[in-house]
């Protein structure tokens, strides 16, 4: 990764957002819920670097606290979706037969729906809230991991080292966990890194539509929604949007760099 300055910048940006989220109580100049009606809709100034919203709350403070919610939610959704997809896809590829047919037909059915629309429908059915949003993203995204894992398992289970373990008397469970699964991790990690940014964007979309956390909770999507009625006060929606843009773009670049790093066929000589 040191050969790519862009990858280092992206990795540094992700690390900076992580530090900012962790240190939000120290870095935030104001409390995220503190209202100052006298200075509502104030433009960026020395007292409020990124301005204030319709209730006089400091935009910078709310962005920093919003990172404490958006980043963990995106990571948790991807980990849960990846774990479920690996389990189902691995079982389908390794066991085959009726298990493979059943899981893959369910996967095909899930993939027939756009993931964002499916996440919105699930969240609307379960009710607005952080946990329901994470669950909706997980349900909408596990099929892509299952299909990828199944293909990887089918490619690996006939390799020589797997056949050698089978000849030496290793059980099917040991072969699956000790030999097949580790050989399929790299592509899953790459896809997961790319999907963290997409999960953050999807969570912001759900919050923008009122399907995320309550309006008073600092969250980037709801902050953009609060600014759509105040187009003259451009800072209300612009800075949360730039936060989403920077973090999603950084995760995409890091994911591409990991692909080059972990796939020997794509490494530069």
Protein backbone atom coordinates (compact mmCIF):
# COMPACT_ATOMS: atom_id res chain seq x y z
CA UNK A 1 0.00 0.00 0.00
CA UNK A 2 2.98 2.28 0.47
CA UNK A 3 3.35 2.35 -3.33
CA UNK A 4 0.00 4.10 -3.66
CA UNK A 5 -0.17 7.61 -2.15
CA UNK A 6 -3.92 7.66 -2.75
CA UNK A 7 -4.36 4.50 -0.70
CA UNK A 8 -2.34 5.97 2.16
CA UNK A 9 -4.42 9.15 2.08
CA UNK A 10 -7.64 7.12 2.13
CA UNK A 11 -6.39 4.94 4.96
CA UNK A 12 -5.36 8.05 6.88
CA UNK A 13 -8.80 9.56 6.30
CA UNK A 14 -10.53 6.45 7.64
CA UNK A 15 -8.22 6.49 10.67
CA UNK A 16 -8.89 10.21 11.19
CA UNK A 17 -12.64 9.64 11.18
CA UNK A 18 -12.18 6.79 13.64
CA UNK A 19 -10.18 8.99 15.98
CA UNK A 20 -12.69 11.82 15.59
CA UNK A 21 -15.58 9.50 16.43
CA UNK A 22 -13.79 8.07 19.46
CA UNK A 23 -12.72 11.52 20.68
CA UNK A 24 -15.95 13.36 19.87
CA UNK A 25 -16.66 14.30 23.54
CA UNK A 26 -13.24 15.97 23.65
CA UNK A 27 -13.12 17.48 20.16
CA UNK A 28 -16.71 18.75 19.92
CA UNK A 29 -16.85 22.46 20.84
CA UNK A 30 -20.47 22.20 22.02
CA UNK A 31 -22.87 19.54 23.23
CA UNK A 32 -24.68 17.97 20.25
CA UNK A 33 -28.14 18.50 21.76
CA UNK A 34 -27.52 21.98 23.20
CA UNK A 35 -29.96 24.43 21.62
CA UNK A 36 -29.30 28.15 21.18
CA UNK A 37 -32.38 29.67 19.60
CA UNK A 38 -30.83 33.14 19.56
CA UNK A 39 -28.10 31.94 17.18
CA UNK A 40 -30.22 29.52 15.11
CA UNK A 41 -29.32 29.24 11.42
CA UNK A 42 -26.07 31.10 12.00
CA UNK A 43 -23.49 30.74 9.19
CA UNK A 44 -20.00 29.38 9.88
CA UNK A 45 -18.19 31.65 12.29
CA UNK A 46 -15.51 31.65 14.95
CA UNK A 47 -17.99 30.43 17.59
CA UNK A 48 -19.58 27.83 15.32
CA UNK A 49 -17.07 26.71 12.72
CA UNK A 50 -19.67 24.93 10.57
CA UNK A 51 -22.68 27.03 11.54
CA UNK A 52 -25.83 26.06 13.43
CA UNK A 53 -29.04 24.24 12.48
CA UNK A 54 -32.70 25.37 12.82
CA UNK A 55 -32.60 24.73 16.58
CA UNK A 56 -29.29 26.50 17.11
CA UNK A 57 -27.31 23.27 17.58
CA UNK A 58 -23.67 23.31 16.50
CA UNK A 59 -23.27 21.46 13.18
CA UNK A 60 -19.63 20.49 13.78
CA UNK A 61 -20.43 18.91 17.13
CA UNK A 62 -23.31 16.96 15.66
CA UNK A 63 -21.15 15.71 12.78
CA UNK A 64 -18.51 14.46 15.22
CA UNK A 65 -21.09 12.71 17.36
CA UNK A 66 -22.79 11.40 14.24
CA UNK A 67 -19.59 9.58 13.32
CA UNK A 68 -19.88 7.67 16.61
CA UNK A 69 -23.12 6.22 15.27
CA UNK A 70 -22.62 5.92 11.51
CA UNK A 71 -19.25 4.14 11.55
CA UNK A 72 -20.16 1.42 14.10
CA UNK A 73 -23.54 0.86 12.42
CA UNK A 74 -21.90 0.43 9.01
CA UNK A 75 -19.26 -1.94 10.38
CA UNK A 76 -21.79 -3.96 12.40
CA UNK A 77 -24.14 -4.36 9.43
CA UNK A 78 -21.31 -5.61 7.21
CA UNK A 79 -19.98 -8.03 9.85
CA UNK A 80 -23.43 -9.51 10.43
CA UNK A 81 -24.23 -9.76 6.73
CA UNK A 82 -20.81 -11.25 6.00
CA UNK A 83 -21.10 -13.78 8.82
CA UNK A 84 -24.52 -14.96 7.69
CA UNK A 85 -23.48 -15.03 4.04
CA UNK A 86 -20.30 -16.99 4.77
CA UNK A 87 -22.21 -19.56 6.83
CA UNK A 88 -24.94 -20.11 4.24
CA UNK A 89 -22.72 -19.83 1.17
CA UNK A 90 -20.09 -22.08 2.68
CA UNK A 91 -22.70 -24.71 3.55
CA UNK A 92 -24.15 -24.54 0.04
CA UNK A 93 -20.78 -24.91 -1.66
CA UNK A 94 -19.37 -27.57 0.64
CA UNK A 95 -22.43 -29.78 1.10
CA UNK A 96 -24.00 -29.39 -2.35
CA UNK A 97 -27.15 -31.26 -3.31
CA UNK A 98 -30.49 -30.16 -1.89
CA UNK A 99 -28.77 -27.83 0.58
CA UNK A 100 -27.06 -25.97 -2.25
CA UNK A 101 -30.26 -25.76 -4.31
CA UNK A 102 -32.35 -24.46 -1.41
CA UNK A 103 -29.89 -21.82 -0.26
CA UNK A 104 -29.10 -20.61 -3.76
CA UNK A 105 -32.74 -20.29 -4.79
CA UNK A 106 -33.41 -18.21 -1.68
CA UNK A 107 -30.34 -16.15 -2.53
CA UNK A 108 -31.57 -15.61 -6.08
CA UNK A 109 -34.93 -14.48 -4.74
CA UNK A 110 -33.29 -11.98 -2.40
CA UNK A 111 -30.99 -10.67 -5.14
CA UNK A 112 -34.01 -9.96 -7.34
CA UNK A 113 -34.78 -6.92 -5.16
CA UNK A 114 -32.60 -3.79 -5.08
CA UNK A 115 -30.74 -3.82 -1.78
CA UNK A 116 -31.57 -0.25 -0.78
CA UNK A 117 -35.28 -0.68 -1.56
CA UNK A 118 -35.35 -3.99 0.30
CA UNK A 119 -33.67 -2.40 3.33
CA UNK A 120 -36.23 0.41 3.30
CA UNK A 121 -39.14 -2.05 3.12
CA UNK A 122 -37.77 -4.17 5.97
CA UNK A 123 -37.11 -1.13 8.16
CA UNK A 124 -40.57 0.28 7.46
CA UNK A 125 -42.10 -3.08 8.39
CA UNK A 126 -40.09 -3.47 11.60
CA UNK A 127 -40.29 0.19 12.63
CA UNK A 128 -37.79 3.01 12.74
CA UNK A 129 -34.74 2.53 14.93
CA UNK A 130 -31.03 1.83 14.87
CA UNK A 131 -31.26 -1.90 15.57
CA UNK A 132 -33.96 -2.41 12.95
CA UNK A 133 -31.90 -0.47 10.40
CA UNK A 134 -28.87 -2.70 11.06
CA UNK A 135 -31.03 -5.79 10.78
CA UNK A 136 -32.54 -4.55 7.51
CA UNK A 137 -29.13 -3.89 5.98
CA UNK A 138 -27.93 -7.33 7.08
CA UNK A 139 -30.96 -9.08 5.55
CA UNK A 140 -30.63 -7.11 2.32
CA UNK A 141 -26.88 -7.73 1.89
CA UNK A 142 -26.14 -11.28 3.01
CA UNK A 143 -27.02 -12.82 -0.41
CA UNK A 144 -24.04 -11.20 -2.13
CA UNK A 145 -21.69 -12.69 0.48
CA UNK A 146 -23.39 -16.08 0.23
CA UNK A 147 -23.01 -16.21 -3.55
CA UNK A 148 -19.37 -15.12 -3.39
CA UNK A 149 -18.54 -17.61 -0.63
CA UNK A 150 -20.23 -20.47 -2.48
CA UNK A 151 -18.20 -19.78 -5.61
CA UNK A 152 -14.98 -19.61 -3.60
CA UNK A 153 -15.73 -22.86 -1.78
CA UNK A 154 -16.50 -24.65 -5.05
CA UNK A 155 -13.15 -23.47 -6.41
CA UNK A 156 -11.17 -24.44 -3.31
CA UNK A 157 -12.68 -27.77 -2.23
CA UNK A 158 -11.09 -29.64 -5.16
CA UNK A 159 -7.62 -28.21 -4.58
CA UNK A 160 -4.71 -30.52 -3.79
CA UNK A 161 -4.29 -29.50 -0.14
CA UNK A 162 -7.99 -30.21 0.53
CA UNK A 163 -7.72 -33.61 -1.15
CA UNK A 164 -4.62 -34.34 0.91
CA UNK A 165 -6.45 -33.52 4.13
CA UNK A 166 -9.34 -35.77 3.05
CA UNK A 167 -6.98 -38.66 2.27
CA UNK A 168 -5.31 -38.27 5.67
CA UNK A 169 -8.68 -38.85 7.32
CA UNK A 170 -9.69 -35.33 8.36
CA UNK A 171 -13.38 -34.94 9.09
CA UNK A 172 -15.61 -32.84 6.84
CA UNK A 173 -16.00 -30.22 9.57
CA UNK A 174 -12.24 -29.96 10.05
CA UNK A 175 -11.66 -29.69 6.31
CA UNK A 176 -14.27 -26.95 6.04
CA UNK A 177 -13.00 -24.91 9.00
CA UNK A 178 -9.23 -25.48 8.79
CA UNK A 179 -8.61 -25.74 5.05
CA UNK A 180 -11.48 -24.42 2.93
CA UNK A 181 -12.68 -21.41 4.95
CA UNK A 182 -9.26 -19.73 5.45
CA UNK A 183 -8.62 -19.94 1.70
CA UNK A 184 -11.77 -17.92 0.98
CA UNK A 185 -11.29 -15.08 3.47
CA UNK A 186 -9.37 -12.56 1.33
CA UNK A 187 -12.15 -11.81 -1.21
CA UNK A 188 -14.68 -11.59 1.62
CA UNK A 189 -12.51 -9.06 3.47
CA UNK A 190 -12.17 -6.98 0.30
CA UNK A 191 -15.93 -7.00 -0.31
CA UNK A 192 -16.60 -6.18 3.33
CA UNK A 193 -14.25 -3.20 3.26
CA UNK A 194 -15.99 -1.85 0.18
CA UNK A 195 -19.41 -2.46 1.72
CA UNK A 196 -18.72 -0.56 4.95
CA UNK A 197 -18.94 2.71 3.04
CA UNK A 198 -22.06 1.52 1.24
CA UNK A 199 -23.62 0.51 4.57
CA UNK A 200 -22.92 3.96 6.00
CA UNK A 201 -24.56 5.49 2.94
CA UNK A 202 -27.56 3.16 3.21
CA UNK A 203 -27.98 3.93 6.90
CA UNK A 204 -27.87 7.65 6.11
CA UNK A 205 -30.52 7.09 3.43
CA UNK A 206 -32.79 5.34 5.92
CA UNK A 207 -32.30 8.15 8.42
CA UNK A 208 -33.00 10.73 5.71
CA UNK A 209 -36.39 9.06 5.18
CA UNK A 210 -37.13 8.97 8.90
CA UNK A 211 -36.44 5.24 9.26
CA UNK A 212 -33.31 5.59 11.39
CA UNK A 213 -32.75 6.93 14.90
CA UNK A 214 -34.99 9.62 16.44
CA UNK A 215 -34.56 13.11 14.91
CA UNK A 216 -32.76 14.51 17.95
CA UNK A 217 -30.00 11.89 17.74
CA UNK A 218 -26.97 13.23 15.83
CA UNK A 219 -26.84 11.28 12.57
CA UNK A 220 -25.61 12.43 9.17
CA UNK A 221 -28.66 11.39 7.14
CA UNK A 222 -31.13 13.06 9.49
CA UNK A 223 -28.97 16.18 9.51
CA UNK A 224 -29.20 16.37 5.72
CA UNK A 225 -32.96 15.86 5.97
CA UNK A 226 -33.17 18.74 8.44
CA UNK A 227 -31.40 21.04 5.98
CA UNK A 228 -33.52 20.29 2.91
CA UNK A 229 -36.04 22.97 3.93
CA UNK A 230 -33.30 25.56 4.44
CA UNK A 231 -31.55 25.75 1.09
CA UNK A 232 -30.34 29.29 1.75
CA UNK A 233 -28.58 27.98 4.86
CA UNK A 234 -26.41 25.69 2.77
CA UNK A 235 -24.11 24.63 5.61
CA UNK A 236 -26.80 22.60 7.39
CA UNK A 237 -26.89 19.85 4.76
CA UNK A 238 -23.58 20.44 2.95
CA UNK A 239 -21.15 19.53 5.71
CA UNK A 240 -22.87 16.25 6.76
CA UNK A 241 -23.01 15.35 3.07
CA UNK A 242 -19.30 16.01 2.71
CA UNK A 243 -18.67 13.82 5.76
CA UNK A 244 -20.54 10.93 4.12
CA UNK A 245 -18.79 11.54 0.81
CA UNK A 246 -15.31 11.56 2.31
CA UNK A 247 -15.80 8.43 4.40
CA UNK A 248 -17.51 6.38 1.68
CA UNK A 249 -14.88 7.38 -0.87
CA UNK A 250 -12.08 6.55 1.56
CA UNK A 251 -13.47 3.07 2.25
CA UNK A 252 -13.83 2.42 -1.48
CA UNK A 253 -10.21 3.36 -2.13
CA UNK A 254 -9.01 1.25 0.82
CA UNK A 255 -11.04 -1.69 -0.47
CA UNK A 256 -9.51 -1.39 -3.94
CA UNK A 257 -6.04 -1.21 -2.40
CA UNK A 258 -6.71 -4.30 -0.28
CA UNK A 259 -7.75 -6.13 -3.43
CA UNK A 260 -4.40 -5.31 -5.02
CA UNK A 261 -2.60 -6.31 -1.82
CA UNK A 262 -4.36 -9.61 -1.09
CA UNK A 263 -4.74 -10.90 -4.64
CA UNK A 264 -1.31 -11.99 -5.96
CA UNK A 265 -2.59 -11.82 -9.55
CA UNK A 266 -3.20 -8.07 -9.22
CA UNK A 267 0.01 -7.11 -7.43
CA UNK A 268 2.32 -4.76 -9.25
CA UNK A 269 5.74 -6.17 -9.99
